[in-house]
Every structure is written in C-alpha cells, then in structure tokens.
C-alpha cells in the first residue's frame, strides 16, 4: 500500500494533463485502450452527458479529451432513424475515432416499448441495451434476450425513483433470469443511496456489463455529480476492485455537473481516471 504522496507522484502527469487546455491534453495523453493485454479499461462517455449538445459538438468534446466509446442516446440517434441515417451516424463516429457500443438508458413501461428497444438496438448494430423496464416486464425482457442474444443492463437510479434504487434491488429482480440480463452500475447513484460502490462492484461483478463512472458530493440524496477526483467515492479503491474482479466492460463517464458547459470537468475527470488506472497497474492504491 502506498502513501498519498506516492499515489500522486504516479498520477501527477495525468492530473497535469487534465489541468491543461483539452486540446493540449488530448495531444499528450496516452490512449485508454481496451486490450486485456494492456491491462487498461475501456473508457467511454454516457450519452446523457451531452444532452444539451448535438452530435458534432459531443464528438468534438470526446476528441479533445481522448475518449473513444459512446453509449448512444436517442437525442443523437432517434428511435425512428432510417437505415441511411444510422449509417451516416456511424460514419460520423468512425471519422471521429469513436465507437458506439450500446444504446440507452431506455425506459420501458409496456411490452411494445421492450420490443421497440430491442428492434432499435438491432438496427443500430449494438448488442447491449441499457434499460429501465418496469419489474413486471422482466419475464418478457428475459424472453427477448434469448431471442436476440443481446445483453440487457438495468440502470440503478439511487434515491430519486423507487424503481431499481441500488444494486441489490436489481440483483433481487434478475437473479433467476438469463445471465445476459445484468447491471449498468451507476456508482454515483449507488453511493447517493447510502451504499458502498466498491463492495457492490465486488459482490455483483459477474452481472455488471457497463458502469456509469462518476463521483458525488455526498452519500445521500442531496449528493450531486462532481469531478471524478473530488467526491466522496474512493476512486482508487474502485479501480483496484475493477482489477480484482477482472472487469471487462466499459467505464463510461456520466458527467452531470455544469451540463451546459461540461468540457473542463470532463477533461479533469478523464485525466484523473487515467492517472488512477496508471498508478494502480503496479498494484498501488491510495492510502
């Protein structure tokens, strides 16, 4: 175990990058590759981060912060998109060095909405749906997962809504369902619900397919999203647990602070996460 000084010495270069202008940071930061041999995590962006921006603006921010995976939201690619529009969307992502790896979160209150979500994901060409289905729809979701051979990740929302507030509520709902039904684990909402994201990551890792990477200002409903290195979640401990459980999914930053001007916070958070990951590769963690 290292001291805080040792950790900051290892992560300092990345933190310095995060304090630069985003363009300079992008030019100097190493790529966060997803190869298991590289021992690095697949860093992405949750599309909701860019709710106030069009696709071109979102991709420009991803380019500046050197992030290459995107969970697709319908305000960037509407559910009724034609095959031509979907092809043009993917071409735009490709030209920006970005891969769309999933769709959602998608809320579902009827069987028809479940059908629509699976059909949409198939047209988009992804095999992971981030969803929030009413609990009575889960047997039908189970049927569709088997039919499509897709993975379906249920998003937890903390104390804000009663449906899936935390990890155990998802576990209890899906434990007897197909193993392709799992979690989109929002670590920030988990903490706001008074739970322990590090412990929950360890407990439910086999069913966690996607992570909404964030930090929050308090372990209560009053907690707000903040820059990744500034909140109450121990990010180095979380990264160490990612390594311990051999997590292979995406870690997608969902940045909900300053949502109309998020670039500086995104850049700081990306730089911090990369610094923590680099330091932890040698088995180090914050004291």
C-alpha atoms as a PDB file:
ATOM      1  CA  UNK A   1       0.000   0.000   0.000  1.00  0.00           C
ATOM      2  CA  UNK A   2       1.394   3.395  -0.908  1.00  0.00           C
ATOM      3  CA  UNK A   3       1.071   6.800   0.669  1.00  0.00           C
ATOM      4  CA  UNK A   4      -0.968   9.611  -0.808  1.00  0.00           C
ATOM      5  CA  UNK A   5       2.334  11.220  -1.890  1.00  0.00           C
ATOM      6  CA  UNK A   6       3.361   8.082  -3.790  1.00  0.00           C
ATOM      7  CA  UNK A   7      -0.016   7.861  -5.486  1.00  0.00           C
ATOM      8  CA  UNK A   8       0.050  11.486  -6.579  1.00  0.00           C
ATOM      9  CA  UNK A   9       3.585  11.065  -7.886  1.00  0.00           C
ATOM     10  CA  UNK A  10       2.370   8.290 -10.192  1.00  0.00           C
ATOM     11  CA  UNK A  11      -0.864  10.026 -11.166  1.00  0.00           C
ATOM     12  CA  UNK A  12       0.557  13.525 -11.309  1.00  0.00           C
ATOM     13  CA  UNK A  13       1.278  13.518 -15.009  1.00  0.00           C
ATOM     14  CA  UNK A  14      -2.303  12.742 -15.835  1.00  0.00           C
ATOM     15  CA  UNK A  15      -3.606  15.316 -13.404  1.00  0.00           C
ATOM     16  CA  UNK A  16      -1.384  17.868 -15.066  1.00  0.00           C
ATOM     17  CA  UNK A  17      -2.865  16.915 -18.413  1.00  0.00           C
ATOM     18  CA  UNK A  18      -6.337  17.413 -17.033  1.00  0.00           C
ATOM     19  CA  UNK A  19      -5.431  20.961 -15.979  1.00  0.00           C
ATOM     20  CA  UNK A  20      -4.225  21.866 -19.492  1.00  0.00           C
ATOM     21  CA  UNK A  21      -6.497  23.047 -22.231  1.00  0.00           C
ATOM     22  CA  UNK A  22      -8.359  19.980 -23.545  1.00  0.00           C
ATOM     23  CA  UNK A  23      -6.668  20.166 -26.943  1.00  0.00           C
ATOM     24  CA  UNK A  24      -3.205  20.014 -25.385  1.00  0.00           C
ATOM     25  CA  UNK A  25      -4.233  17.191 -23.059  1.00  0.00           C
ATOM     26  CA  UNK A  26      -5.577  15.190 -25.979  1.00  0.00           C
ATOM     27  CA  UNK A  27      -2.354  15.584 -27.879  1.00  0.00           C
ATOM     28  CA  UNK A  28      -0.261  14.260 -24.988  1.00  0.00           C
ATOM     29  CA  UNK A  29      -2.416  11.738 -23.143  1.00  0.00           C
ATOM     30  CA  UNK A  30      -1.890   8.034 -23.898  1.00  0.00           C
ATOM     31  CA  UNK A  31      -4.853   6.201 -25.372  1.00  0.00           C
ATOM     32  CA  UNK A  32      -7.049   4.278 -22.921  1.00  0.00           C
ATOM     33  CA  UNK A  33      -7.088   1.020 -24.847  1.00  0.00           C
ATOM     34  CA  UNK A  34      -9.351  -1.915 -24.063  1.00  0.00           C
ATOM     35  CA  UNK A  35      -6.991  -4.816 -24.693  1.00  0.00           C
ATOM     36  CA  UNK A  36      -6.699  -7.177 -21.733  1.00  0.00           C
ATOM     37  CA  UNK A  37      -3.008  -7.498 -22.511  1.00  0.00           C
ATOM     38  CA  UNK A  38      -2.572  -3.770 -21.968  1.00  0.00           C
ATOM     39  CA  UNK A  39      -4.275  -4.008 -18.557  1.00  0.00           C
ATOM     40  CA  UNK A  40      -6.308  -0.887 -19.249  1.00  0.00           C
ATOM     41  CA  UNK A  41     -10.026  -0.203 -19.101  1.00  0.00           C
ATOM     42  CA  UNK A  42     -12.371   0.754 -21.917  1.00  0.00           C
ATOM     43  CA  UNK A  43     -13.150   4.388 -21.142  1.00  0.00           C
ATOM     44  CA  UNK A  44     -16.284   5.806 -22.727  1.00  0.00           C
ATOM     45  CA  UNK A  45     -18.903   8.500 -22.360  1.00  0.00           C
ATOM     46  CA  UNK A  46     -22.525   8.049 -21.338  1.00  0.00           C
ATOM     47  CA  UNK A  47     -24.516   9.879 -23.992  1.00  0.00           C
ATOM     48  CA  UNK A  48     -26.668  11.691 -21.424  1.00  0.00           C
ATOM     49  CA  UNK A  49     -23.625  13.829 -20.600  1.00  0.00           C
ATOM     50  CA  UNK A  50     -24.236  15.613 -23.908  1.00  0.00           C
ATOM     51  CA  UNK A  51     -27.987  16.173 -23.603  1.00  0.00           C
ATOM     52  CA  UNK A  52     -27.546  19.886 -24.394  1.00  0.00           C
ATOM     53  CA  UNK A  53     -25.292  19.319 -27.421  1.00  0.00           C
ATOM     54  CA  UNK A  54     -25.699  17.972 -30.916  1.00  0.00           C
ATOM     55  CA  UNK A  55     -23.677  15.005 -32.093  1.00  0.00           C
ATOM     56  CA  UNK A  56     -20.938  17.067 -33.744  1.00  0.00           C
ATOM     57  CA  UNK A  57     -20.388  19.040 -30.553  1.00  0.00           C
ATOM     58  CA  UNK A  58     -20.355  15.875 -28.446  1.00  0.00           C
ATOM     59  CA  UNK A  59     -17.805  14.201 -30.714  1.00  0.00           C
ATOM     60  CA  UNK A  60     -15.610  17.285 -30.627  1.00  0.00           C
ATOM     61  CA  UNK A  61     -15.521  17.143 -26.821  1.00  0.00           C
ATOM     62  CA  UNK A  62     -14.702  13.436 -26.953  1.00  0.00           C
ATOM     63  CA  UNK A  63     -11.883  14.137 -29.387  1.00  0.00           C
ATOM     64  CA  UNK A  64     -10.446  16.843 -27.148  1.00  0.00           C
ATOM     65  CA  UNK A  65     -10.485  14.535 -24.125  1.00  0.00           C
ATOM     66  CA  UNK A  66      -9.258  11.411 -25.977  1.00  0.00           C
ATOM     67  CA  UNK A  67     -12.318   9.220 -25.311  1.00  0.00           C
ATOM     68  CA  UNK A  68     -13.342   6.702 -27.972  1.00  0.00           C
ATOM     69  CA  UNK A  69     -16.503   4.863 -26.860  1.00  0.00           C
ATOM     70  CA  UNK A  70     -20.046   6.227 -26.666  1.00  0.00           C
ATOM     71  CA  UNK A  71     -23.267   4.861 -25.190  1.00  0.00           C
ATOM     72  CA  UNK A  72     -25.823   6.160 -27.684  1.00  0.00           C
ATOM     73  CA  UNK A  73     -28.836   8.219 -26.609  1.00  0.00           C
ATOM     74  CA  UNK A  74     -31.897   8.735 -28.746  1.00  0.00           C
ATOM     75  CA  UNK A  75     -31.480  12.517 -28.902  1.00  0.00           C
ATOM     76  CA  UNK A  76     -28.399  11.843 -31.046  1.00  0.00           C
ATOM     77  CA  UNK A  77     -29.883   8.909 -32.953  1.00  0.00           C
ATOM     78  CA  UNK A  78     -33.706   8.891 -32.768  1.00  0.00           C
ATOM     79  CA  UNK A  79     -35.578   5.613 -32.407  1.00  0.00           C
ATOM     80  CA  UNK A  80     -37.262   6.150 -35.796  1.00  0.00           C
ATOM     81  CA  UNK A  81     -33.972   6.657 -37.658  1.00  0.00           C
ATOM     82  CA  UNK A  82     -33.824   5.175 -41.147  1.00  0.00           C
ATOM     83  CA  UNK A  83     -31.057   2.763 -42.204  1.00  0.00           C
ATOM     84  CA  UNK A  84     -29.472   5.649 -44.121  1.00  0.00           C
ATOM     85  CA  UNK A  85     -29.491   7.878 -41.042  1.00  0.00           C
ATOM     86  CA  UNK A  86     -27.992   5.108 -38.913  1.00  0.00           C
ATOM     87  CA  UNK A  87     -25.257   4.516 -41.482  1.00  0.00           C
ATOM     88  CA  UNK A  88     -24.478   8.236 -41.592  1.00  0.00           C
ATOM     89  CA  UNK A  89     -24.373   8.329 -37.784  1.00  0.00           C
ATOM     90  CA  UNK A  90     -21.832   5.503 -37.616  1.00  0.00           C
ATOM     91  CA  UNK A  91     -19.746   7.088 -40.358  1.00  0.00           C
ATOM     92  CA  UNK A  92     -19.607  10.308 -38.375  1.00  0.00           C
ATOM     93  CA  UNK A  93     -18.499   8.383 -35.282  1.00  0.00           C
ATOM     94  CA  UNK A  94     -15.878   6.498 -37.289  1.00  0.00           C
ATOM     95  CA  UNK A  95     -14.453   9.713 -38.671  1.00  0.00           C
ATOM     96  CA  UNK A  96     -14.055  10.949 -35.094  1.00  0.00           C
ATOM     97  CA  UNK A  97     -12.428   7.730 -33.869  1.00  0.00           C
ATOM     98  CA  UNK A  98     -15.470   6.820 -31.764  1.00  0.00           C
ATOM     99  CA  UNK A  99     -17.351   3.529 -31.476  1.00  0.00           C
ATOM    100  CA  UNK A 100     -20.973   3.364 -30.366  1.00  0.00           C
ATOM    101  CA  UNK A 101     -21.094   0.307 -28.104  1.00  0.00           C
ATOM    102  CA  UNK A 102     -24.606   0.382 -26.577  1.00  0.00           C
ATOM    103  CA  UNK A 103     -27.919   2.251 -26.546  1.00  0.00           C
ATOM    104  CA  UNK A 104     -29.742   3.781 -23.614  1.00  0.00           C
ATOM    105  CA  UNK A 105     -30.803   4.166 -20.942  1.00  0.00           C
ATOM    106  CA  UNK A 106     -34.242   3.374 -22.364  1.00  0.00           C
ATOM    107  CA  UNK A 107     -37.280   3.378 -20.085  1.00  0.00           C
ATOM    108  CA  UNK A 108     -39.883   0.686 -20.748  1.00  0.00           C
ATOM    109  CA  UNK A 109     -43.402   0.525 -19.367  1.00  0.00           C
ATOM    110  CA  UNK A 110     -45.039  -1.818 -21.889  1.00  0.00           C
ATOM    111  CA  UNK A 111     -44.183  -4.922 -23.892  1.00  0.00           C
ATOM    112  CA  UNK A 112     -44.273  -2.772 -27.013  1.00  0.00           C
ATOM    113  CA  UNK A 113     -41.601  -0.491 -25.606  1.00  0.00           C
ATOM    114  CA  UNK A 114     -39.440  -3.540 -24.885  1.00  0.00           C
ATOM    115  CA  UNK A 115     -39.965  -4.685 -28.481  1.00  0.00           C
ATOM    116  CA  UNK A 116     -39.071  -1.228 -29.746  1.00  0.00           C
ATOM    117  CA  UNK A 117     -35.842  -1.131 -27.703  1.00  0.00           C
ATOM    118  CA  UNK A 118     -34.594  -4.479 -28.990  1.00  0.00           C
ATOM    119  CA  UNK A 119     -35.522  -3.616 -32.585  1.00  0.00           C
ATOM    120  CA  UNK A 120     -33.754  -0.259 -32.249  1.00  0.00           C
ATOM    121  CA  UNK A 121     -30.572  -1.835 -30.878  1.00  0.00           C
ATOM    122  CA  UNK A 122     -30.557  -4.349 -33.721  1.00  0.00           C
ATOM    123  CA  UNK A 123     -30.920  -1.602 -36.336  1.00  0.00           C
ATOM    124  CA  UNK A 124     -28.183   0.428 -34.677  1.00  0.00           C
ATOM    125  CA  UNK A 125     -25.922  -2.626 -34.687  1.00  0.00           C
ATOM    126  CA  UNK A 126     -25.142  -2.980 -30.967  1.00  0.00           C
ATOM    127  CA  UNK A 127     -25.755  -5.957 -28.678  1.00  0.00           C
ATOM    128  CA  UNK A 128     -26.031  -4.153 -25.354  1.00  0.00           C
ATOM    129  CA  UNK A 129     -29.135  -2.283 -24.189  1.00  0.00           C
ATOM    130  CA  UNK A 130     -29.076  -0.083 -21.100  1.00  0.00           C
ATOM    131  CA  UNK A 131     -32.645  -0.292 -19.856  1.00  0.00           C
ATOM    132  CA  UNK A 132     -35.043   0.610 -17.085  1.00  0.00           C
ATOM    133  CA  UNK A 133     -38.023  -1.731 -17.530  1.00  0.00           C
ATOM    134  CA  UNK A 134     -40.899  -1.941 -15.108  1.00  0.00           C
ATOM    135  CA  UNK A 135     -40.363  -5.029 -12.959  1.00  0.00           C
ATOM    136  CA  UNK A 136     -43.454  -6.792 -14.305  1.00  0.00           C
ATOM    137  CA  UNK A 137     -41.826  -6.685 -17.758  1.00  0.00           C
ATOM    138  CA  UNK A 138     -38.729  -8.631 -16.726  1.00  0.00           C
ATOM    139  CA  UNK A 139     -40.059 -12.046 -17.840  1.00  0.00           C
ATOM    140  CA  UNK A 140     -40.685 -10.514 -21.260  1.00  0.00           C
ATOM    141  CA  UNK A 141     -37.204  -8.945 -21.288  1.00  0.00           C
ATOM    142  CA  UNK A 142     -35.847 -12.401 -20.463  1.00  0.00           C
ATOM    143  CA  UNK A 143     -37.657 -13.802 -23.496  1.00  0.00           C
ATOM    144  CA  UNK A 144     -36.308 -11.068 -25.787  1.00  0.00           C
ATOM    145  CA  UNK A 145     -32.736 -11.505 -24.544  1.00  0.00           C
ATOM    146  CA  UNK A 146     -32.905 -15.165 -25.537  1.00  0.00           C
ATOM    147  CA  UNK A 147     -34.491 -14.338 -28.872  1.00  0.00           C
ATOM    148  CA  UNK A 148     -31.921 -11.686 -29.847  1.00  0.00           C
ATOM    149  CA  UNK A 149     -28.866 -12.972 -27.945  1.00  0.00           C
ATOM    150  CA  UNK A 150     -28.321  -9.448 -26.625  1.00  0.00           C
ATOM    151  CA  UNK A 151     -27.165  -8.342 -23.197  1.00  0.00           C
ATOM    152  CA  UNK A 152     -29.511  -6.136 -21.211  1.00  0.00           C
ATOM    153  CA  UNK A 153     -28.122  -3.944 -18.420  1.00  0.00           C
ATOM    154  CA  UNK A 154     -30.507  -2.414 -15.889  1.00  0.00           C
ATOM    155  CA  UNK A 155     -29.563   1.050 -14.641  1.00  0.00           C
ATOM    156  CA  UNK A 156     -29.864   1.916 -10.928  1.00  0.00           C
ATOM    157  CA  UNK A 157     -31.060   5.419 -10.066  1.00  0.00           C
ATOM    158  CA  UNK A 158     -30.418   5.884  -6.362  1.00  0.00           C
ATOM    159  CA  UNK A 159     -32.986   7.517  -4.086  1.00  0.00           C
ATOM    160  CA  UNK A 160     -34.560   9.606  -6.845  1.00  0.00           C
ATOM    161  CA  UNK A 161     -37.008   6.933  -8.022  1.00  0.00           C
ATOM    162  CA  UNK A 162     -38.310   3.759  -6.400  1.00  0.00           C
ATOM    163  CA  UNK A 163     -37.554   1.567  -9.405  1.00  0.00           C
ATOM    164  CA  UNK A 164     -34.070  -0.009  -9.020  1.00  0.00           C
ATOM    165  CA  UNK A 165     -32.576   2.410  -6.447  1.00  0.00           C
ATOM    166  CA  UNK A 166     -29.463   0.304  -5.852  1.00  0.00           C
ATOM    167  CA  UNK A 167     -27.537  -2.800  -6.824  1.00  0.00           C
ATOM    168  CA  UNK A 168     -29.339  -5.234  -4.541  1.00  0.00           C
ATOM    169  CA  UNK A 169     -32.726  -4.179  -5.915  1.00  0.00           C
ATOM    170  CA  UNK A 170     -31.535  -5.123  -9.403  1.00  0.00           C
ATOM    171  CA  UNK A 171     -29.979  -8.372  -8.156  1.00  0.00           C
ATOM    172  CA  UNK A 172     -33.182  -9.435  -6.445  1.00  0.00           C
ATOM    173  CA  UNK A 173     -35.172  -8.732  -9.599  1.00  0.00           C
ATOM    174  CA  UNK A 174     -32.895 -10.594 -12.036  1.00  0.00           C
ATOM    175  CA  UNK A 175     -31.173 -13.326 -10.013  1.00  0.00           C
ATOM    176  CA  UNK A 176     -33.320 -16.077 -11.524  1.00  0.00           C
ATOM    177  CA  UNK A 177     -33.305 -14.679 -15.064  1.00  0.00           C
ATOM    178  CA  UNK A 178     -30.994 -15.262 -18.015  1.00  0.00           C
ATOM    179  CA  UNK A 179     -27.364 -14.407 -17.234  1.00  0.00           C
ATOM    180  CA  UNK A 180     -27.370 -11.945 -20.144  1.00  0.00           C
ATOM    181  CA  UNK A 181     -29.553  -9.674 -18.004  1.00  0.00           C
ATOM    182  CA  UNK A 182     -27.388  -7.656 -15.659  1.00  0.00           C
ATOM    183  CA  UNK A 183     -26.433  -4.196 -14.435  1.00  0.00           C
ATOM    184  CA  UNK A 184     -25.479  -0.832 -15.801  1.00  0.00           C
ATOM    185  CA  UNK A 185     -23.918   0.071 -12.469  1.00  0.00           C
ATOM    186  CA  UNK A 186     -24.215   3.773 -11.696  1.00  0.00           C
ATOM    187  CA  UNK A 187     -21.678   4.061  -8.904  1.00  0.00           C
ATOM    188  CA  UNK A 188     -22.700   7.628  -8.078  1.00  0.00           C
ATOM    189  CA  UNK A 189     -26.365   6.811  -7.573  1.00  0.00           C
ATOM    190  CA  UNK A 190     -25.335   3.746  -5.568  1.00  0.00           C
ATOM    191  CA  UNK A 191     -23.376   5.988  -3.211  1.00  0.00           C
ATOM    192  CA  UNK A 192     -26.210   8.537  -3.030  1.00  0.00           C
ATOM    193  CA  UNK A 193     -28.448   5.700  -1.894  1.00  0.00           C
ATOM    194  CA  UNK A 194     -26.135   5.127   1.071  1.00  0.00           C
ATOM    195  CA  UNK A 195     -24.489   2.010  -0.366  1.00  0.00           C
ATOM    196  CA  UNK A 196     -20.841   1.122  -0.979  1.00  0.00           C
ATOM    197  CA  UNK A 197     -19.955   1.104  -4.702  1.00  0.00           C
ATOM    198  CA  UNK A 198     -16.676  -0.738  -4.142  1.00  0.00           C
ATOM    199  CA  UNK A 199     -18.335  -3.543  -2.188  1.00  0.00           C
ATOM    200  CA  UNK A 200     -21.243  -3.726  -4.613  1.00  0.00           C
ATOM    201  CA  UNK A 201     -18.861  -3.948  -7.565  1.00  0.00           C
ATOM    202  CA  UNK A 202     -17.216  -6.940  -5.924  1.00  0.00           C
ATOM    203  CA  UNK A 203     -20.499  -8.613  -4.992  1.00  0.00           C
ATOM    204  CA  UNK A 204     -22.259  -8.255  -8.337  1.00  0.00           C
ATOM    205  CA  UNK A 205     -19.327  -8.112 -10.759  1.00  0.00           C
ATOM    206  CA  UNK A 206     -20.382 -11.148 -12.792  1.00  0.00           C
ATOM    207  CA  UNK A 207     -23.589  -9.391 -13.810  1.00  0.00           C
ATOM    208  CA  UNK A 208     -22.171  -5.874 -14.299  1.00  0.00           C
ATOM    209  CA  UNK A 209     -21.925  -5.218 -18.043  1.00  0.00           C
ATOM    210  CA  UNK A 210     -21.483  -1.434 -18.013  1.00  0.00           C
ATOM    211  CA  UNK A 211     -20.505   1.215 -15.476  1.00  0.00           C
ATOM    212  CA  UNK A 212     -21.584   4.842 -15.277  1.00  0.00           C
ATOM    213  CA  UNK A 213     -18.411   6.329 -13.924  1.00  0.00           C
ATOM    214  CA  UNK A 214     -18.961   9.308 -11.645  1.00  0.00           C
ATOM    215  CA  UNK A 215     -18.315  10.808  -8.243  1.00  0.00           C
ATOM    216  CA  UNK A 216     -20.736  12.639  -5.977  1.00  0.00           C
ATOM    217  CA  UNK A 217     -20.526  15.276  -3.272  1.00  0.00           C
ATOM    218  CA  UNK A 218     -22.391  13.339  -0.547  1.00  0.00           C
ATOM    219  CA  UNK A 219     -23.561   9.832   0.320  1.00  0.00           C
ATOM    220  CA  UNK A 220     -27.190  10.972   0.387  1.00  0.00           C
ATOM    221  CA  UNK A 221     -29.972  12.116  -1.907  1.00  0.00           C
ATOM    222  CA  UNK A 222     -28.504  15.621  -1.680  1.00  0.00           C
ATOM    223  CA  UNK A 223     -25.276  14.442  -3.321  1.00  0.00           C
ATOM    224  CA  UNK A 224     -24.525  15.962  -6.716  1.00  0.00           C
ATOM    225  CA  UNK A 225     -22.243  14.812  -9.515  1.00  0.00           C
ATOM    226  CA  UNK A 226     -18.792  16.378  -9.318  1.00  0.00           C
ATOM    227  CA  UNK A 227     -15.385  15.975 -10.926  1.00  0.00           C
ATOM    228  CA  UNK A 228     -14.218  12.396 -10.560  1.00  0.00           C
ATOM    229  CA  UNK A 229     -11.388  13.115  -8.130  1.00  0.00           C
ATOM    230  CA  UNK A 230     -13.287  15.481  -5.851  1.00  0.00           C
ATOM    231  CA  UNK A 231     -16.175  13.487  -4.374  1.00  0.00           C
ATOM    232  CA  UNK A 232     -16.810  11.026  -1.558  1.00  0.00           C
ATOM    233  CA  UNK A 233     -16.256   7.822  -3.563  1.00  0.00           C
ATOM    234  CA  UNK A 234     -12.761   6.357  -3.228  1.00  0.00           C
ATOM    235  CA  UNK A 235     -11.915   6.115  -6.929  1.00  0.00           C
ATOM    236  CA  UNK A 236      -8.502   4.417  -6.453  1.00  0.00           C
ATOM    237  CA  UNK A 237     -10.191   1.707  -4.354  1.00  0.00           C
ATOM    238  CA  UNK A 238     -12.868   1.334  -7.038  1.00  0.00           C
ATOM    239  CA  UNK A 239     -10.231   0.929  -9.757  1.00  0.00           C
ATOM    240  CA  UNK A 240      -8.396  -1.646  -7.662  1.00  0.00           C
ATOM    241  CA  UNK A 241     -11.646  -3.577  -7.363  1.00  0.00           C
ATOM    242  CA  UNK A 242     -12.152  -3.369 -11.139  1.00  0.00           C
ATOM    243  CA  UNK A 243      -8.802  -5.116 -11.450  1.00  0.00           C
ATOM    244  CA  UNK A 244      -9.564  -7.642  -8.722  1.00  0.00           C
ATOM    245  CA  UNK A 245     -12.817  -8.785 -10.356  1.00  0.00           C
ATOM    246  CA  UNK A 246     -11.249  -8.626 -13.846  1.00  0.00           C
ATOM    247  CA  UNK A 247     -13.913  -6.270 -15.131  1.00  0.00           C
ATOM    248  CA  UNK A 248     -14.044  -6.267 -18.936  1.00  0.00           C
ATOM    249  CA  UNK A 249     -16.927  -3.928 -19.739  1.00  0.00           C
ATOM    250  CA  UNK A 250     -16.947  -0.210 -20.382  1.00  0.00           C
ATOM    251  CA  UNK A 251     -16.431   2.534 -17.822  1.00  0.00           C
ATOM    252  CA  UNK A 252     -18.449   5.403 -19.256  1.00  0.00           C
ATOM    253  CA  UNK A 253     -18.141   8.791 -17.619  1.00  0.00           C
ATOM    254  CA  UNK A 254     -21.539  10.330 -16.954  1.00  0.00           C
ATOM    255  CA  UNK A 255     -20.782  13.924 -16.088  1.00  0.00           C
ATOM    256  CA  UNK A 256     -23.838  15.793 -14.817  1.00  0.00           C
ATOM    257  CA  UNK A 257     -22.236  18.927 -13.393  1.00  0.00           C
ATOM    258  CA  UNK A 258     -22.205  22.126 -15.483  1.00  0.00           C
ATOM    259  CA  UNK A 259     -24.103  20.241 -18.160  1.00  0.00           C
ATOM    260  CA  UNK A 260     -24.292  23.251 -20.458  1.00  0.00           C
ATOM    261  CA  UNK A 261     -20.531  23.784 -20.196  1.00  0.00           C
ATOM    262  CA  UNK A 262     -19.046  20.403 -19.176  1.00  0.00           C
ATOM    263  CA  UNK A 263     -15.778  20.245 -21.098  1.00  0.00           C
ATOM    264  CA  UNK A 264     -13.411  21.327 -18.309  1.00  0.00           C
ATOM    265  CA  UNK A 265     -14.970  18.878 -15.852  1.00  0.00           C
ATOM    266  CA  UNK A 266     -14.901  16.063 -18.379  1.00  0.00           C
ATOM    267  CA  UNK A 267     -11.230  16.738 -19.126  1.00  0.00           C
ATOM    268  CA  UNK A 268     -10.324  16.803 -15.434  1.00  0.00           C
ATOM    269  CA  UNK A 269     -12.263  13.603 -14.752  1.00  0.00           C
ATOM    270  CA  UNK A 270     -10.750  11.742 -17.706  1.00  0.00           C
ATOM    271  CA  UNK A 271      -7.259  12.823 -16.713  1.00  0.00           C
ATOM    272  CA  UNK A 272      -7.820  11.756 -13.131  1.00  0.00           C
ATOM    273  CA  UNK A 273      -9.219   8.360 -14.093  1.00  0.00           C
ATOM    274  CA  UNK A 274      -6.320   7.645 -16.409  1.00  0.00           C
ATOM    275  CA  UNK A 275      -3.890   8.669 -13.691  1.00  0.00           C
ATOM    276  CA  UNK A 276      -5.529   6.385 -11.144  1.00  0.00           C
ATOM    277  CA  UNK A 277      -5.557   3.494 -13.609  1.00  0.00           C
ATOM    278  CA  UNK A 278      -1.892   4.000 -14.422  1.00  0.00           C
ATOM    279  CA  UNK A 279      -0.910   4.082 -10.747  1.00  0.00           C
ATOM    280  CA  UNK A 280      -2.966   1.003  -9.955  1.00  0.00           C
ATOM    281  CA  UNK A 281      -1.314  -1.094 -12.672  1.00  0.00           C
ATOM    282  CA  UNK A 282       1.530  -1.707 -10.251  1.00  0.00           C
ATOM    283  CA  UNK A 283      -0.899  -2.802  -7.553  1.00  0.00           C
ATOM    284  CA  UNK A 284      -0.862   0.590  -5.877  1.00  0.00           C
ATOM    285  CA  UNK A 285      -3.789   2.315  -4.219  1.00  0.00           C
ATOM    286  CA  UNK A 286      -4.427   5.404  -2.194  1.00  0.00           C
ATOM    287  CA  UNK A 287      -3.555   5.133   1.484  1.00  0.00           C
END
